[in-house]
């Protein structure tokens, strides 16, 4: 199955959008993230990627109340991310309704801790976010504000050998600018790690991008701005899901 996963990015409890992860470009889309989530659910969407940008910047989640509201008033499978760095953060996310969590910074800074999460909570519930600039393929963390010297493929390999099943990769230069996904990068990842479930994120501009990613072996797509700017409609999602069950 190919999963289409809309994203809601949160700052101060509001739904926002950014370009290339730059907080200076933030625009408020809605004061009611729950309303947006319900619209997706009403059109057959199963998953939601909920991004706590306040948490990503501060190193600990801040928008649990939005997670709780969406989890409590919809049946969406909510994947929560943003600042999760301790076992307490993970447990609290699950307590407030997340079905899975995605982590990036902790995996780069404390790889053994993240590897232990795969064992402690199960590889079905822990997703690695590996975000990079294709110029150097180095991992970026803390809401993409911090660059590391960790190579993308070495990073994935380390956790792949320790049981990683679910991976989300973003080309940060394409996020929020709708110039198309980095197909070459995703093709290389699928070729090197054929058993991994890869979600592509960044640059999606149309349903045709969904189809191309699916055909190349990517198993999910995370999108946001294209929907919020009406390049992808709820009717488009209906049609794609009807044709790709």
C-alpha atoms as a PDB file:
ATOM      1  CA  UNK A   1       0.000   0.000   0.000  1.00  0.00           C
ATOM      2  CA  UNK A   2       1.082   3.551  -0.804  1.00  0.00           C
ATOM      3  CA  UNK A   3       0.132   5.983   1.964  1.00  0.00           C
ATOM      4  CA  UNK A   4      -0.590   9.649   1.344  1.00  0.00           C
ATOM      5  CA  UNK A   5       0.170  11.588   4.515  1.00  0.00           C
ATOM      6  CA  UNK A   6      -0.834  15.241   4.833  1.00  0.00           C
ATOM      7  CA  UNK A   7       1.168  17.286   7.299  1.00  0.00           C
ATOM      8  CA  UNK A   8       0.099  19.955   9.750  1.00  0.00           C
ATOM      9  CA  UNK A   9       2.907  22.169  11.060  1.00  0.00           C
ATOM     10  CA  UNK A  10       2.279  23.856  14.386  1.00  0.00           C
ATOM     11  CA  UNK A  11       3.591  27.057  15.945  1.00  0.00           C
ATOM     12  CA  UNK A  12       1.821  28.325  19.070  1.00  0.00           C
ATOM     13  CA  UNK A  13      -1.041  25.912  18.419  1.00  0.00           C
ATOM     14  CA  UNK A  14      -1.703  27.330  14.945  1.00  0.00           C
ATOM     15  CA  UNK A  15      -1.302  25.646  11.583  1.00  0.00           C
ATOM     16  CA  UNK A  16       1.494  27.306   9.599  1.00  0.00           C
ATOM     17  CA  UNK A  17       3.563  26.823   6.479  1.00  0.00           C
ATOM     18  CA  UNK A  18       7.228  27.562   5.857  1.00  0.00           C
ATOM     19  CA  UNK A  19       9.602  27.634   2.894  1.00  0.00           C
ATOM     20  CA  UNK A  20      12.700  25.438   3.146  1.00  0.00           C
ATOM     21  CA  UNK A  21      12.169  25.176   6.883  1.00  0.00           C
ATOM     22  CA  UNK A  22      12.920  28.886   7.372  1.00  0.00           C
ATOM     23  CA  UNK A  23      10.965  30.113  10.391  1.00  0.00           C
ATOM     24  CA  UNK A  24      11.178  33.687   9.090  1.00  0.00           C
ATOM     25  CA  UNK A  25       8.864  32.688   6.223  1.00  0.00           C
ATOM     26  CA  UNK A  26       6.079  31.355   8.415  1.00  0.00           C
ATOM     27  CA  UNK A  27       2.484  32.079   7.413  1.00  0.00           C
ATOM     28  CA  UNK A  28      -0.504  31.154   9.542  1.00  0.00           C
ATOM     29  CA  UNK A  29      -2.904  28.984   7.535  1.00  0.00           C
ATOM     30  CA  UNK A  30      -5.481  28.296  10.214  1.00  0.00           C
ATOM     31  CA  UNK A  31      -6.157  28.788  13.883  1.00  0.00           C
ATOM     32  CA  UNK A  32      -7.978  25.453  13.925  1.00  0.00           C
ATOM     33  CA  UNK A  33      -5.729  22.457  13.121  1.00  0.00           C
ATOM     34  CA  UNK A  34      -8.499  20.070  14.192  1.00  0.00           C
ATOM     35  CA  UNK A  35     -10.792  21.386  11.469  1.00  0.00           C
ATOM     36  CA  UNK A  36      -8.108  20.740   8.850  1.00  0.00           C
ATOM     37  CA  UNK A  37      -7.491  17.235  10.211  1.00  0.00           C
ATOM     38  CA  UNK A  38     -11.200  16.423  10.096  1.00  0.00           C
ATOM     39  CA  UNK A  39     -11.399  17.502   6.450  1.00  0.00           C
ATOM     40  CA  UNK A  40      -8.648  15.046   5.565  1.00  0.00           C
ATOM     41  CA  UNK A  41     -10.364  12.268   7.506  1.00  0.00           C
ATOM     42  CA  UNK A  42     -13.696  12.969   5.798  1.00  0.00           C
ATOM     43  CA  UNK A  43     -11.998  12.251   2.476  1.00  0.00           C
ATOM     44  CA  UNK A  44     -10.575   8.888   3.431  1.00  0.00           C
ATOM     45  CA  UNK A  45      -7.100   9.924   4.544  1.00  0.00           C
ATOM     46  CA  UNK A  46      -5.771   7.478   7.150  1.00  0.00           C
ATOM     47  CA  UNK A  47      -2.570   9.151   8.337  1.00  0.00           C
ATOM     48  CA  UNK A  48      -1.599  12.590   9.573  1.00  0.00           C
ATOM     49  CA  UNK A  49       1.943  13.891  10.153  1.00  0.00           C
ATOM     50  CA  UNK A  50       1.711  16.417  13.010  1.00  0.00           C
ATOM     51  CA  UNK A  51       4.812  18.598  13.322  1.00  0.00           C
ATOM     52  CA  UNK A  52       5.451  20.527  16.537  1.00  0.00           C
ATOM     53  CA  UNK A  53       7.787  23.255  15.271  1.00  0.00           C
ATOM     54  CA  UNK A  54       7.960  24.869  18.708  1.00  0.00           C
ATOM     55  CA  UNK A  55       9.183  21.542  20.030  1.00  0.00           C
ATOM     56  CA  UNK A  56      11.702  21.122  17.221  1.00  0.00           C
ATOM     57  CA  UNK A  57      13.281  24.491  18.030  1.00  0.00           C
ATOM     58  CA  UNK A  58      13.258  24.064  21.802  1.00  0.00           C
ATOM     59  CA  UNK A  59      14.209  20.411  22.020  1.00  0.00           C
ATOM     60  CA  UNK A  60      11.010  19.234  23.717  1.00  0.00           C
ATOM     61  CA  UNK A  61       7.413  18.997  22.468  1.00  0.00           C
ATOM     62  CA  UNK A  62       5.107  21.920  23.235  1.00  0.00           C
ATOM     63  CA  UNK A  63       1.862  21.234  21.371  1.00  0.00           C
ATOM     64  CA  UNK A  64       0.592  18.100  23.076  1.00  0.00           C
ATOM     65  CA  UNK A  65      -2.838  19.718  23.428  1.00  0.00           C
ATOM     66  CA  UNK A  66      -3.261  19.806  19.646  1.00  0.00           C
ATOM     67  CA  UNK A  67      -2.152  16.180  19.411  1.00  0.00           C
ATOM     68  CA  UNK A  68      -4.711  15.282  22.081  1.00  0.00           C
ATOM     69  CA  UNK A  69      -7.514  17.141  20.304  1.00  0.00           C
ATOM     70  CA  UNK A  70      -6.867  15.588  16.890  1.00  0.00           C
ATOM     71  CA  UNK A  71      -6.389  12.105  18.335  1.00  0.00           C
ATOM     72  CA  UNK A  72      -9.508  12.457  20.464  1.00  0.00           C
ATOM     73  CA  UNK A  73     -11.863  13.816  17.817  1.00  0.00           C
ATOM     74  CA  UNK A  74     -10.701  11.880  14.728  1.00  0.00           C
ATOM     75  CA  UNK A  75      -9.726   8.313  13.930  1.00  0.00           C
ATOM     76  CA  UNK A  76      -6.620   9.416  12.058  1.00  0.00           C
ATOM     77  CA  UNK A  77      -3.366   7.566  12.636  1.00  0.00           C
ATOM     78  CA  UNK A  78      -1.379  10.488  13.992  1.00  0.00           C
ATOM     79  CA  UNK A  79       2.387  10.497  13.647  1.00  0.00           C
ATOM     80  CA  UNK A  80       3.788  13.114  16.019  1.00  0.00           C
ATOM     81  CA  UNK A  81       7.164  14.800  15.689  1.00  0.00           C
ATOM     82  CA  UNK A  82       9.089  17.809  16.961  1.00  0.00           C
ATOM     83  CA  UNK A  83      11.528  17.869  19.843  1.00  0.00           C
ATOM     84  CA  UNK A  84      11.033  14.292  21.005  1.00  0.00           C
ATOM     85  CA  UNK A  85      14.290  13.452  22.755  1.00  0.00           C
ATOM     86  CA  UNK A  86      13.603  11.392  25.898  1.00  0.00           C
ATOM     87  CA  UNK A  87      11.656   8.305  26.878  1.00  0.00           C
ATOM     88  CA  UNK A  88       9.339  10.618  28.764  1.00  0.00           C
ATOM     89  CA  UNK A  89       8.612  12.534  25.553  1.00  0.00           C
ATOM     90  CA  UNK A  90       7.833   9.310  23.703  1.00  0.00           C
ATOM     91  CA  UNK A  91       5.534   8.021  26.427  1.00  0.00           C
ATOM     92  CA  UNK A  92       3.749  11.359  26.683  1.00  0.00           C
ATOM     93  CA  UNK A  93       3.188  11.477  22.914  1.00  0.00           C
ATOM     94  CA  UNK A  94       1.591   8.039  23.042  1.00  0.00           C
ATOM     95  CA  UNK A  95      -0.423   9.040  26.108  1.00  0.00           C
ATOM     96  CA  UNK A  96      -1.867  12.017  24.220  1.00  0.00           C
ATOM     97  CA  UNK A  97      -2.875   9.830  21.288  1.00  0.00           C
ATOM     98  CA  UNK A  98       0.013   9.486  18.829  1.00  0.00           C
ATOM     99  CA  UNK A  99       0.120   6.098  17.140  1.00  0.00           C
ATOM    100  CA  UNK A 100       3.705   6.621  15.966  1.00  0.00           C
ATOM    101  CA  UNK A 101       6.448   9.147  16.626  1.00  0.00           C
ATOM    102  CA  UNK A 102       9.057  10.462  14.255  1.00  0.00           C
ATOM    103  CA  UNK A 103      12.417  11.648  15.580  1.00  0.00           C
ATOM    104  CA  UNK A 104      15.418  13.252  13.946  1.00  0.00           C
ATOM    105  CA  UNK A 105      17.639  15.223  16.318  1.00  0.00           C
ATOM    106  CA  UNK A 106      17.853  12.537  19.007  1.00  0.00           C
ATOM    107  CA  UNK A 107      18.850   9.945  16.413  1.00  0.00           C
ATOM    108  CA  UNK A 108      21.744  12.146  15.313  1.00  0.00           C
ATOM    109  CA  UNK A 109      22.865  13.194  18.800  1.00  0.00           C
ATOM    110  CA  UNK A 110      22.148   9.981  20.713  1.00  0.00           C
ATOM    111  CA  UNK A 111      21.980   7.159  18.156  1.00  0.00           C
ATOM    112  CA  UNK A 112      22.087   4.367  20.732  1.00  0.00           C
ATOM    113  CA  UNK A 113      19.062   5.862  22.496  1.00  0.00           C
ATOM    114  CA  UNK A 114      17.059   5.949  19.284  1.00  0.00           C
ATOM    115  CA  UNK A 115      18.161   2.407  18.433  1.00  0.00           C
ATOM    116  CA  UNK A 116      16.910   1.283  21.847  1.00  0.00           C
ATOM    117  CA  UNK A 117      13.532   2.886  21.139  1.00  0.00           C
ATOM    118  CA  UNK A 118      13.161   0.555  18.155  1.00  0.00           C
ATOM    119  CA  UNK A 119      13.419  -2.327  20.609  1.00  0.00           C
ATOM    120  CA  UNK A 120      11.545  -0.832  23.563  1.00  0.00           C
ATOM    121  CA  UNK A 121       8.526   0.565  21.708  1.00  0.00           C
ATOM    122  CA  UNK A 122       8.660  -1.545  18.556  1.00  0.00           C
ATOM    123  CA  UNK A 123       9.814  -0.772  15.039  1.00  0.00           C
ATOM    124  CA  UNK A 124       6.196  -0.224  13.946  1.00  0.00           C
ATOM    125  CA  UNK A 125       5.889   2.814  16.223  1.00  0.00           C
ATOM    126  CA  UNK A 126       9.245   4.568  15.800  1.00  0.00           C
ATOM    127  CA  UNK A 127      10.083   6.423  12.569  1.00  0.00           C
ATOM    128  CA  UNK A 128      13.439   7.944  11.685  1.00  0.00           C
ATOM    129  CA  UNK A 129      13.452  11.354  10.033  1.00  0.00           C
ATOM    130  CA  UNK A 130      16.634  11.882   8.048  1.00  0.00           C
ATOM    131  CA  UNK A 131      16.637  15.392   6.620  1.00  0.00           C
ATOM    132  CA  UNK A 132      19.388  16.629   4.362  1.00  0.00           C
ATOM    133  CA  UNK A 133      20.657  19.143   1.838  1.00  0.00           C
ATOM    134  CA  UNK A 134      21.637  17.212  -1.320  1.00  0.00           C
ATOM    135  CA  UNK A 135      24.641  19.484  -1.840  1.00  0.00           C
ATOM    136  CA  UNK A 136      26.551  17.599   0.862  1.00  0.00           C
ATOM    137  CA  UNK A 137      24.075  14.908   2.050  1.00  0.00           C
ATOM    138  CA  UNK A 138      24.717  15.819   5.684  1.00  0.00           C
ATOM    139  CA  UNK A 139      21.997  15.338   8.271  1.00  0.00           C
ATOM    140  CA  UNK A 140      20.247  18.492   9.536  1.00  0.00           C
ATOM    141  CA  UNK A 141      18.546  18.629  12.942  1.00  0.00           C
ATOM    142  CA  UNK A 142      16.611  20.910  15.321  1.00  0.00           C
ATOM    143  CA  UNK A 143      13.988  21.858  12.765  1.00  0.00           C
ATOM    144  CA  UNK A 144      16.788  21.978  10.158  1.00  0.00           C
ATOM    145  CA  UNK A 145      18.478  24.825  12.020  1.00  0.00           C
ATOM    146  CA  UNK A 146      21.567  22.744  12.823  1.00  0.00           C
ATOM    147  CA  UNK A 147      23.859  21.011  10.356  1.00  0.00           C
ATOM    148  CA  UNK A 148      25.788  17.921  11.420  1.00  0.00           C
ATOM    149  CA  UNK A 149      28.704  16.118   9.817  1.00  0.00           C
ATOM    150  CA  UNK A 150      26.746  12.854   9.623  1.00  0.00           C
ATOM    151  CA  UNK A 151      26.394  11.366   6.139  1.00  0.00           C
ATOM    152  CA  UNK A 152      22.800  10.557   5.170  1.00  0.00           C
ATOM    153  CA  UNK A 153      23.484   7.035   3.930  1.00  0.00           C
ATOM    154  CA  UNK A 154      25.736   6.153   6.860  1.00  0.00           C
ATOM    155  CA  UNK A 155      23.011   7.412   9.187  1.00  0.00           C
ATOM    156  CA  UNK A 156      20.312   5.283   7.589  1.00  0.00           C
ATOM    157  CA  UNK A 157      22.614   2.242   7.464  1.00  0.00           C
ATOM    158  CA  UNK A 158      23.340   2.434  11.194  1.00  0.00           C
ATOM    159  CA  UNK A 159      19.661   2.146  12.108  1.00  0.00           C
ATOM    160  CA  UNK A 160      18.774  -0.190   9.226  1.00  0.00           C
ATOM    161  CA  UNK A 161      21.194  -2.705  10.719  1.00  0.00           C
ATOM    162  CA  UNK A 162      19.397  -2.299  14.054  1.00  0.00           C
ATOM    163  CA  UNK A 163      15.918  -3.021  12.789  1.00  0.00           C
ATOM    164  CA  UNK A 164      14.662   0.283  11.366  1.00  0.00           C
ATOM    165  CA  UNK A 165      11.536  -0.257   9.274  1.00  0.00           C
ATOM    166  CA  UNK A 166      10.093   3.222   8.696  1.00  0.00           C
ATOM    167  CA  UNK A 167      12.069   6.167   7.319  1.00  0.00           C
ATOM    168  CA  UNK A 168      11.080   9.682   6.265  1.00  0.00           C
ATOM    169  CA  UNK A 169      13.571  11.665   4.193  1.00  0.00           C
ATOM    170  CA  UNK A 170      13.292  15.360   3.340  1.00  0.00           C
ATOM    171  CA  UNK A 171      15.364  17.322   0.886  1.00  0.00           C
ATOM    172  CA  UNK A 172      15.291  20.573   2.857  1.00  0.00           C
ATOM    173  CA  UNK A 173      16.045  22.687  -0.228  1.00  0.00           C
ATOM    174  CA  UNK A 174      12.729  21.640  -1.766  1.00  0.00           C
ATOM    175  CA  UNK A 175      10.453  21.785   1.236  1.00  0.00           C
ATOM    176  CA  UNK A 176       7.626  24.255   0.813  1.00  0.00           C
ATOM    177  CA  UNK A 177       8.707  25.501  -2.622  1.00  0.00           C
ATOM    178  CA  UNK A 178       6.901  22.920  -4.782  1.00  0.00           C
ATOM    179  CA  UNK A 179       9.717  22.352  -7.259  1.00  0.00           C
ATOM    180  CA  UNK A 180       9.142  18.607  -7.262  1.00  0.00           C
ATOM    181  CA  UNK A 181      10.533  15.870  -5.010  1.00  0.00           C
ATOM    182  CA  UNK A 182      14.180  14.843  -5.256  1.00  0.00           C
ATOM    183  CA  UNK A 183      13.427  11.700  -7.244  1.00  0.00           C
ATOM    184  CA  UNK A 184      17.104  10.844  -7.756  1.00  0.00           C
ATOM    185  CA  UNK A 185      17.732  10.833  -4.018  1.00  0.00           C
ATOM    186  CA  UNK A 186      14.729   8.626  -3.286  1.00  0.00           C
ATOM    187  CA  UNK A 187      15.708   6.237  -6.062  1.00  0.00           C
ATOM    188  CA  UNK A 188      19.155   5.808  -4.497  1.00  0.00           C
ATOM    189  CA  UNK A 189      17.670   5.175  -1.041  1.00  0.00           C
ATOM    190  CA  UNK A 190      15.197   2.592  -2.370  1.00  0.00           C
ATOM    191  CA  UNK A 191      18.012   0.879  -4.270  1.00  0.00           C
ATOM    192  CA  UNK A 192      20.301   0.709  -1.244  1.00  0.00           C
ATOM    193  CA  UNK A 193      17.642  -0.166   1.345  1.00  0.00           C
ATOM    194  CA  UNK A 194      14.996  -2.139  -0.576  1.00  0.00           C
ATOM    195  CA  UNK A 195      13.208  -3.462   2.518  1.00  0.00           C
ATOM    196  CA  UNK A 196      12.735  -0.117   4.194  1.00  0.00           C
ATOM    197  CA  UNK A 197       9.393   1.717   4.119  1.00  0.00           C
ATOM    198  CA  UNK A 198      10.336   5.115   2.753  1.00  0.00           C
ATOM    199  CA  UNK A 199       8.204   8.245   3.016  1.00  0.00           C
ATOM    200  CA  UNK A 200       9.258  11.054   0.687  1.00  0.00           C
ATOM    201  CA  UNK A 201       8.836  14.611   1.944  1.00  0.00           C
ATOM    202  CA  UNK A 202       9.514  17.981   0.337  1.00  0.00           C
ATOM    203  CA  UNK A 203       8.702  19.541  -3.005  1.00  0.00           C
ATOM    204  CA  UNK A 204       5.471  17.717  -3.830  1.00  0.00           C
ATOM    205  CA  UNK A 205       3.407  19.786  -6.256  1.00  0.00           C
ATOM    206  CA  UNK A 206       0.850  17.417  -7.827  1.00  0.00           C
ATOM    207  CA  UNK A 207      -0.808  14.027  -7.845  1.00  0.00           C
ATOM    208  CA  UNK A 208       1.586  13.092 -10.658  1.00  0.00           C
ATOM    209  CA  UNK A 209       4.408  13.327  -8.106  1.00  0.00           C
ATOM    210  CA  UNK A 210       2.524  10.822  -5.936  1.00  0.00           C
ATOM    211  CA  UNK A 211       2.286   8.426  -8.867  1.00  0.00           C
ATOM    212  CA  UNK A 212       5.954   8.706  -9.816  1.00  0.00           C
ATOM    213  CA  UNK A 213       7.092   8.126  -6.231  1.00  0.00           C
ATOM    214  CA  UNK A 214       4.816   5.106  -5.916  1.00  0.00           C
ATOM    215  CA  UNK A 215       6.098   3.633  -9.194  1.00  0.00           C
ATOM    216  CA  UNK A 216       9.728   3.915  -8.057  1.00  0.00           C
ATOM    217  CA  UNK A 217       9.131   1.954  -4.855  1.00  0.00           C
ATOM    218  CA  UNK A 218       8.589   4.721  -2.309  1.00  0.00           C
ATOM    219  CA  UNK A 219       5.841   3.600   0.086  1.00  0.00           C
ATOM    220  CA  UNK A 220       4.461   6.934   1.325  1.00  0.00           C
ATOM    221  CA  UNK A 221       4.456  10.633   0.578  1.00  0.00           C
ATOM    222  CA  UNK A 222       4.229  13.490   3.072  1.00  0.00           C
ATOM    223  CA  UNK A 223       2.822  16.725   1.656  1.00  0.00           C
ATOM    224  CA  UNK A 224       1.512  20.045   2.849  1.00  0.00           C
ATOM    225  CA  UNK A 225       2.019  23.288   0.962  1.00  0.00           C
ATOM    226  CA  UNK A 226       0.662  21.978  -2.355  1.00  0.00           C
ATOM    227  CA  UNK A 227      -2.625  21.256  -0.603  1.00  0.00           C
ATOM    228  CA  UNK A 228      -2.729  24.541   1.281  1.00  0.00           C
ATOM    229  CA  UNK A 229      -2.107  26.447  -1.955  1.00  0.00           C
ATOM    230  CA  UNK A 230      -4.830  24.465  -3.786  1.00  0.00           C
ATOM    231  CA  UNK A 231      -2.512  22.669  -6.192  1.00  0.00           C
ATOM    232  CA  UNK A 232      -3.778  19.411  -4.719  1.00  0.00           C
ATOM    233  CA  UNK A 233      -7.453  19.295  -3.784  1.00  0.00           C
ATOM    234  CA  UNK A 234      -9.494  16.957  -1.614  1.00  0.00           C
ATOM    235  CA  UNK A 235     -11.128  15.746  -4.850  1.00  0.00           C
ATOM    236  CA  UNK A 236      -7.654  14.898  -6.204  1.00  0.00           C
ATOM    237  CA  UNK A 237      -6.963  12.865  -3.076  1.00  0.00           C
ATOM    238  CA  UNK A 238     -10.302  11.067  -3.467  1.00  0.00           C
ATOM    239  CA  UNK A 239      -9.480  10.110  -7.044  1.00  0.00           C
ATOM    240  CA  UNK A 240      -5.925   8.995  -6.301  1.00  0.00           C
ATOM    241  CA  UNK A 241      -7.006   6.805  -3.394  1.00  0.00           C
ATOM    242  CA  UNK A 242      -9.821   5.253  -5.425  1.00  0.00           C
ATOM    243  CA  UNK A 243      -7.353   4.301  -8.144  1.00  0.00           C
ATOM    244  CA  UNK A 244      -4.555   3.134  -5.828  1.00  0.00           C
ATOM    245  CA  UNK A 245      -6.198   0.999  -3.138  1.00  0.00           C
END
